[in-house]
PDB file of N, CA and C in Angstrom:
ATOM      1  N   UNK A   1      71.602  11.671  61.919  1.00  0.00           N
ATOM      2  CA  UNK A   1      70.836  12.073  60.764  1.00  0.00           C
ATOM      3  C   UNK A   1      71.569  11.646  59.499  1.00  0.00           C
ATOM      4  N   UNK A   2      70.825  11.200  58.507  1.00  0.00           N
ATOM      5  CA  UNK A   2      71.411  10.828  57.232  1.00  0.00           C
ATOM      6  C   UNK A   2      71.395  12.033  56.300  1.00  0.00           C
ATOM      7  N   UNK A   3      72.513  12.271  55.647  1.00  0.00           N
ATOM      8  CA  UNK A   3      72.631  13.333  54.657  1.00  0.00           C
ATOM      9  C   UNK A   3      72.778  12.680  53.288  1.00  0.00           C
ATOM     10  N   UNK A   4      71.905  13.036  52.355  1.00  0.00           N
ATOM     11  CA  UNK A   4      71.893  12.421  51.033  1.00  0.00           C
ATOM     12  C   UNK A   4      72.569  13.317  50.012  1.00  0.00           C
ATOM     13  N   UNK A   5      73.277  12.675  49.084  1.00  0.00           N
ATOM     14  CA  UNK A   5      73.945  13.385  47.998  1.00  0.00           C
ATOM     15  C   UNK A   5      74.050  12.456  46.797  1.00  0.00           C
ATOM     16  N   UNK A   6      74.332  13.019  45.635  1.00  0.00           N
ATOM     17  CA  UNK A   6      74.489  12.233  44.416  1.00  0.00           C
ATOM     18  C   UNK A   6      75.987  12.057  44.152  1.00  0.00           C
ATOM     19  N   UNK A   7      76.394  10.802  43.975  1.00  0.00           N
ATOM     20  CA  UNK A   7      77.786  10.483  43.697  1.00  0.00           C
ATOM     21  C   UNK A   7      78.202  11.113  42.372  1.00  0.00           C
ATOM     22  N   UNK A   8      79.314  11.813  42.356  1.00  0.00           N
ATOM     23  CA  UNK A   8      79.752  12.532  41.160  1.00  0.00           C
ATOM     24  C   UNK A   8      80.134  11.577  40.033  1.00  0.00           C
ATOM     25  N   UNK A   9      80.787  10.484  40.361  1.00  0.00           N
ATOM     26  CA  UNK A   9      81.272   9.562  39.332  1.00  0.00           C
ATOM     27  C   UNK A   9      80.208   8.666  38.744  1.00  0.00           C
ATOM     28  N   UNK A  10      79.301   8.155  39.583  1.00  0.00           N
ATOM     29  CA  UNK A  10      78.309   7.187  39.123  1.00  0.00           C
ATOM     30  C   UNK A  10      76.898   7.754  39.021  1.00  0.00           C
ATOM     31  N   UNK A  11      76.656   8.935  39.534  1.00  0.00           N
ATOM     32  CA  UNK A  11      75.340   9.589  39.585  1.00  0.00           C
ATOM     33  C   UNK A  11      74.318   8.818  40.415  1.00  0.00           C
ATOM     34  N   UNK A  12      74.787   7.918  41.259  1.00  0.00           N
ATOM     35  CA  UNK A  12      73.879   7.175  42.133  1.00  0.00           C
ATOM     36  C   UNK A  12      73.680   7.943  43.431  1.00  0.00           C
ATOM     37  N   UNK A  13      72.472   7.869  43.996  1.00  0.00           N
ATOM     38  CA  UNK A  13      72.264   8.527  45.301  1.00  0.00           C
ATOM     39  C   UNK A  13      73.014   7.789  46.400  1.00  0.00           C
ATOM     40  N   UNK A  14      73.622   8.536  47.285  1.00  0.00           N
ATOM     41  CA  UNK A  14      74.358   7.977  48.417  1.00  0.00           C
ATOM     42  C   UNK A  14      73.997   8.774  49.665  1.00  0.00           C
ATOM     43  N   UNK A  15      74.430   8.277  50.823  1.00  0.00           N
ATOM     44  CA  UNK A  15      74.171   8.984  52.068  1.00  0.00           C
ATOM     45  C   UNK A  15      75.346   8.800  53.011  1.00  0.00           C
ATOM     46  N   UNK A  16      75.429   9.695  53.976  1.00  0.00           N
ATOM     47  CA  UNK A  16      76.438   9.615  55.019  1.00  0.00           C
ATOM     48  C   UNK A  16      75.802  10.007  56.339  1.00  0.00           C
ATOM     49  N   UNK A  17      76.334   9.469  57.417  1.00  0.00           N
ATOM     50  CA  UNK A  17      75.875   9.844  58.747  1.00  0.00           C
ATOM     51  C   UNK A  17      76.929  10.669  59.465  1.00  0.00           C
ATOM     52  N   UNK A  18      77.886  11.177  58.702  1.00  0.00           N
ATOM     53  CA  UNK A  18      78.898  12.026  59.298  1.00  0.00           C
ATOM     54  C   UNK A  18      78.290  13.288  59.883  1.00  0.00           C
ATOM     55  N   UNK A  19      79.018  13.907  60.784  1.00  0.00           N
ATOM     56  CA  UNK A  19      78.542  15.145  61.406  1.00  0.00           C
ATOM     57  C   UNK A  19      78.868  16.318  60.486  1.00  0.00           C
ATOM     58  N   UNK A  20      77.873  17.184  60.268  1.00  0.00           N
ATOM     59  CA  UNK A  20      78.086  18.349  59.407  1.00  0.00           C
ATOM     60  C   UNK A  20      79.060  19.297  60.080  1.00  0.00           C
ATOM     61  N   UNK A  21      80.122  19.656  59.359  1.00  0.00           N
ATOM     62  CA  UNK A  21      81.167  20.489  59.926  1.00  0.00           C
ATOM     63  C   UNK A  21      81.192  21.909  59.403  1.00  0.00           C
ATOM     64  N   UNK A  22      80.306  22.239  58.470  1.00  0.00           N
ATOM     65  CA  UNK A  22      80.270  23.592  57.925  1.00  0.00           C
ATOM     66  C   UNK A  22      80.484  23.585  56.426  1.00  0.00           C
ATOM     67  N   UNK A  23      80.783  24.758  55.899  1.00  0.00           N
ATOM     68  CA  UNK A  23      80.983  24.951  54.468  1.00  0.00           C
ATOM     69  C   UNK A  23      82.390  25.470  54.205  1.00  0.00           C
ATOM     70  N   UNK A  24      82.944  25.114  53.057  1.00  0.00           N
ATOM     71  CA  UNK A  24      84.208  25.710  52.637  1.00  0.00           C
ATOM     72  C   UNK A  24      83.888  27.032  51.963  1.00  0.00           C
ATOM     73  N   UNK A  25      84.836  27.943  51.885  1.00  0.00           N
ATOM     74  CA  UNK A  25      84.591  29.149  51.081  1.00  0.00           C
ATOM     75  C   UNK A  25      84.487  28.744  49.603  1.00  0.00           C
ATOM     76  N   UNK A  26      83.772  29.514  48.775  1.00  0.00           N
ATOM     77  CA  UNK A  26      83.678  29.171  47.343  1.00  0.00           C
ATOM     78  C   UNK A  26      85.062  29.035  46.731  1.00  0.00           C
ATOM     79  N   UNK A  27      85.274  27.927  46.017  1.00  0.00           N
ATOM     80  CA  UNK A  27      86.599  27.637  45.470  1.00  0.00           C
ATOM     81  C   UNK A  27      86.478  26.809  44.198  1.00  0.00           C
ATOM     82  N   UNK A  28      87.572  26.621  43.520  1.00  0.00           N
ATOM     83  CA  UNK A  28      87.628  25.774  42.340  1.00  0.00           C
ATOM     84  C   UNK A  28      87.231  26.501  41.067  1.00  0.00           C
ATOM     85  N   UNK A  29      87.184  25.750  39.974  1.00  0.00           N
ATOM     86  CA  UNK A  29      86.850  26.333  38.677  1.00  0.00           C
ATOM     87  C   UNK A  29      85.413  26.833  38.620  1.00  0.00           C
ATOM     88  N   UNK A  30      84.506  26.168  39.341  1.00  0.00           N
ATOM     89  CA  UNK A  30      83.105  26.563  39.322  1.00  0.00           C
ATOM     90  C   UNK A  30      82.755  27.555  40.425  1.00  0.00           C
ATOM     91  N   UNK A  31      83.716  27.835  41.298  1.00  0.00           N
ATOM     92  CA  UNK A  31      83.521  28.790  42.392  1.00  0.00           C
ATOM     93  C   UNK A  31      82.291  28.420  43.242  1.00  0.00           C
ATOM     94  N   UNK A  32      82.292  27.177  43.758  1.00  0.00           N
ATOM     95  CA  UNK A  32      81.174  26.687  44.563  1.00  0.00           C
ATOM     96  C   UNK A  32      81.640  26.329  45.967  1.00  0.00           C
ATOM     97  N   UNK A  33      80.675  26.203  46.873  1.00  0.00           N
ATOM     98  CA  UNK A  33      80.956  25.792  48.243  1.00  0.00           C
ATOM     99  C   UNK A  33      80.873  24.267  48.331  1.00  0.00           C
ATOM    100  N   UNK A  34      81.594  23.717  49.294  1.00  0.00           N
ATOM    101  CA  UNK A  34      81.544  22.293  49.579  1.00  0.00           C
ATOM    102  C   UNK A  34      81.051  22.098  51.003  1.00  0.00           C
ATOM    103  N   UNK A  35      80.153  21.139  51.195  1.00  0.00           N
ATOM    104  CA  UNK A  35      79.704  20.773  52.534  1.00  0.00           C
ATOM    105  C   UNK A  35      80.743  19.841  53.130  1.00  0.00           C
ATOM    106  N   UNK A  36      81.099  20.080  54.385  1.00  0.00           N
ATOM    107  CA  UNK A  36      82.102  19.266  55.069  1.00  0.00           C
ATOM    108  C   UNK A  36      81.374  18.323  56.023  1.00  0.00           C
ATOM    109  N   UNK A  37      81.599  17.013  55.858  1.00  0.00           N
ATOM    110  CA  UNK A  37      81.040  16.010  56.758  1.00  0.00           C
ATOM    111  C   UNK A  37      82.199  15.279  57.422  1.00  0.00           C
ATOM    112  N   UNK A  38      82.270  15.368  58.738  1.00  0.00           N
ATOM    113  CA  UNK A  38      83.331  14.727  59.504  1.00  0.00           C
ATOM    114  C   UNK A  38      82.847  13.339  59.895  1.00  0.00           C
ATOM    115  N   UNK A  39      83.571  12.337  59.427  1.00  0.00           N
ATOM    116  CA  UNK A  39      83.217  10.960  59.729  1.00  0.00           C
ATOM    117  C   UNK A  39      84.247  10.376  60.669  1.00  0.00           C
ATOM    118  N   UNK A  40      84.010   9.171  61.113  1.00  0.00           N
ATOM    119  CA  UNK A  40      84.881   8.554  62.109  1.00  0.00           C
ATOM    120  C   UNK A  40      86.330   8.456  61.638  1.00  0.00           C
ATOM    121  N   UNK A  41      86.536   8.079  60.380  1.00  0.00           N
ATOM    122  CA  UNK A  41      87.892   7.847  59.901  1.00  0.00           C
ATOM    123  C   UNK A  41      88.412   8.887  58.913  1.00  0.00           C
ATOM    124  N   UNK A  42      87.524   9.749  58.412  1.00  0.00           N
ATOM    125  CA  UNK A  42      87.967  10.729  57.421  1.00  0.00           C
ATOM    126  C   UNK A  42      86.993  11.898  57.339  1.00  0.00           C
ATOM    127  N   UNK A  43      87.231  12.756  56.379  1.00  0.00           N
ATOM    128  CA  UNK A  43      86.364  13.915  56.139  1.00  0.00           C
ATOM    129  C   UNK A  43      85.885  13.850  54.700  1.00  0.00           C
ATOM    130  N   UNK A  44      84.580  14.052  54.505  1.00  0.00           N
ATOM    131  CA  UNK A  44      83.974  13.992  53.185  1.00  0.00           C
ATOM    132  C   UNK A  44      83.581  15.400  52.756  1.00  0.00           C
ATOM    133  N   UNK A  45      84.022  15.811  51.569  1.00  0.00           N
ATOM    134  CA  UNK A  45      83.636  17.103  50.996  1.00  0.00           C
ATOM    135  C   UNK A  45      82.685  16.832  49.833  1.00  0.00           C
ATOM    136  N   UNK A  46      81.485  17.408  49.919  1.00  0.00           N
ATOM    137  CA  UNK A  46      80.466  17.195  48.884  1.00  0.00           C
ATOM    138  C   UNK A  46      80.145  18.542  48.247  1.00  0.00           C
ATOM    139  N   UNK A  47      80.258  18.645  46.914  1.00  0.00           N
ATOM    140  CA  UNK A  47      79.911  19.905  46.252  1.00  0.00           C
ATOM    141  C   UNK A  47      78.439  20.253  46.482  1.00  0.00           C
ATOM    142  N   UNK A  48      78.167  21.526  46.574  1.00  0.00           N
ATOM    143  CA  UNK A  48      76.813  22.008  46.853  1.00  0.00           C
ATOM    144  C   UNK A  48      75.798  21.484  45.831  1.00  0.00           C
ATOM    145  N   UNK A  49      76.181  21.389  44.571  1.00  0.00           N
ATOM    146  CA  UNK A  49      75.249  20.956  43.532  1.00  0.00           C
ATOM    147  C   UNK A  49      74.963  19.451  43.584  1.00  0.00           C
ATOM    148  N   UNK A  50      75.723  18.673  44.331  1.00  0.00           N
ATOM    149  CA  UNK A  50      75.487  17.232  44.459  1.00  0.00           C
ATOM    150  C   UNK A  50      74.582  16.888  45.641  1.00  0.00           C
ATOM    151  N   UNK A  51      74.307  17.835  46.522  1.00  0.00           N
ATOM    152  CA  UNK A  51      73.463  17.569  47.678  1.00  0.00           C
ATOM    153  C   UNK A  51      72.000  17.435  47.265  1.00  0.00           C
ATOM    154  N   UNK A  52      71.284  16.527  47.929  1.00  0.00           N
ATOM    155  CA  UNK A  52      69.845  16.382  47.691  1.00  0.00           C
ATOM    156  C   UNK A  52      69.125  17.616  48.223  1.00  0.00           C
ATOM    157  N   UNK A  53      67.975  17.895  47.660  1.00  0.00           N
ATOM    158  CA  UNK A  53      67.208  19.088  48.037  1.00  0.00           C
ATOM    159  C   UNK A  53      66.876  19.081  49.534  1.00  0.00           C
ATOM    160  N   UNK A  54      66.449  17.939  50.058  1.00  0.00           N
ATOM    161  CA  UNK A  54      66.100  17.845  51.481  1.00  0.00           C
ATOM    162  C   UNK A  54      67.318  18.095  52.364  1.00  0.00           C
ATOM    163  N   UNK A  55      68.470  17.615  51.929  1.00  0.00           N
ATOM    164  CA  UNK A  55      69.698  17.819  52.698  1.00  0.00           C
ATOM    165  C   UNK A  55      70.090  19.286  52.703  1.00  0.00           C
ATOM    166  N   UNK A  56      69.969  19.965  51.562  1.00  0.00           N
ATOM    167  CA  UNK A  56      70.277  21.400  51.499  1.00  0.00           C
ATOM    168  C   UNK A  56      69.403  22.176  52.475  1.00  0.00           C
ATOM    169  N   UNK A  57      68.111  21.858  52.489  1.00  0.00           N
ATOM    170  CA  UNK A  57      67.199  22.547  53.399  1.00  0.00           C
ATOM    171  C   UNK A  57      67.567  22.279  54.848  1.00  0.00           C
ATOM    172  N   UNK A  58      67.885  21.038  55.187  1.00  0.00           N
ATOM    173  CA  UNK A  58      68.241  20.692  56.566  1.00  0.00           C
ATOM    174  C   UNK A  58      69.519  21.409  56.990  1.00  0.00           C
ATOM    175  N   UNK A  59      70.492  21.504  56.094  1.00  0.00           N
ATOM    176  CA  UNK A  59      71.758  22.171  56.430  1.00  0.00           C
ATOM    177  C   UNK A  59      71.561  23.669  56.581  1.00  0.00           C
ATOM    178  N   UNK A  60      70.709  24.279  55.766  1.00  0.00           N
ATOM    179  CA  UNK A  60      70.450  25.712  55.889  1.00  0.00           C
ATOM    180  C   UNK A  60      69.755  26.010  57.205  1.00  0.00           C
ATOM    181  N   UNK A  61      68.825  25.161  57.623  1.00  0.00           N
ATOM    182  CA  UNK A  61      68.130  25.363  58.883  1.00  0.00           C
ATOM    183  C   UNK A  61      69.073  25.183  60.055  1.00  0.00           C
ATOM    184  N   UNK A  62      69.954  24.193  59.990  1.00  0.00           N
ATOM    185  CA  UNK A  62      70.876  23.961  61.107  1.00  0.00           C
ATOM    186  C   UNK A  62      71.941  25.050  61.174  1.00  0.00           C
ATOM    187  N   UNK A  63      72.276  25.663  60.034  1.00  0.00           N
ATOM    188  CA  UNK A  63      73.278  26.722  60.007  1.00  0.00           C
ATOM    189  C   UNK A  63      72.734  27.996  60.648  1.00  0.00           C
ATOM    190  N   UNK A  64      71.455  28.280  60.434  1.00  0.00           N
ATOM    191  CA  UNK A  64      70.884  29.517  60.951  1.00  0.00           C
ATOM    192  C   UNK A  64      70.335  29.379  62.348  1.00  0.00           C
ATOM    193  N   UNK A  65      70.184  28.162  62.884  1.00  0.00           N
ATOM    194  CA  UNK A  65      69.672  27.976  64.259  1.00  0.00           C
ATOM    195  C   UNK A  65      70.787  27.906  65.250  1.00  0.00           C
TER     196      UNK A  65
END
């Protein structure tokens, strides 16, 4: 499955096919959660506010099922 998010630096839409690994506890100056995507060579942390609406819905459904 492709997970879409907006790149923080360029504001361009991007996607990853990494496996969703869960959420971090709220942290940082904005006290927000980060989505964890485990990829073949690394781990990608995406802030909750950068995720596309469809991706947020898909992650919420997969978390509760």
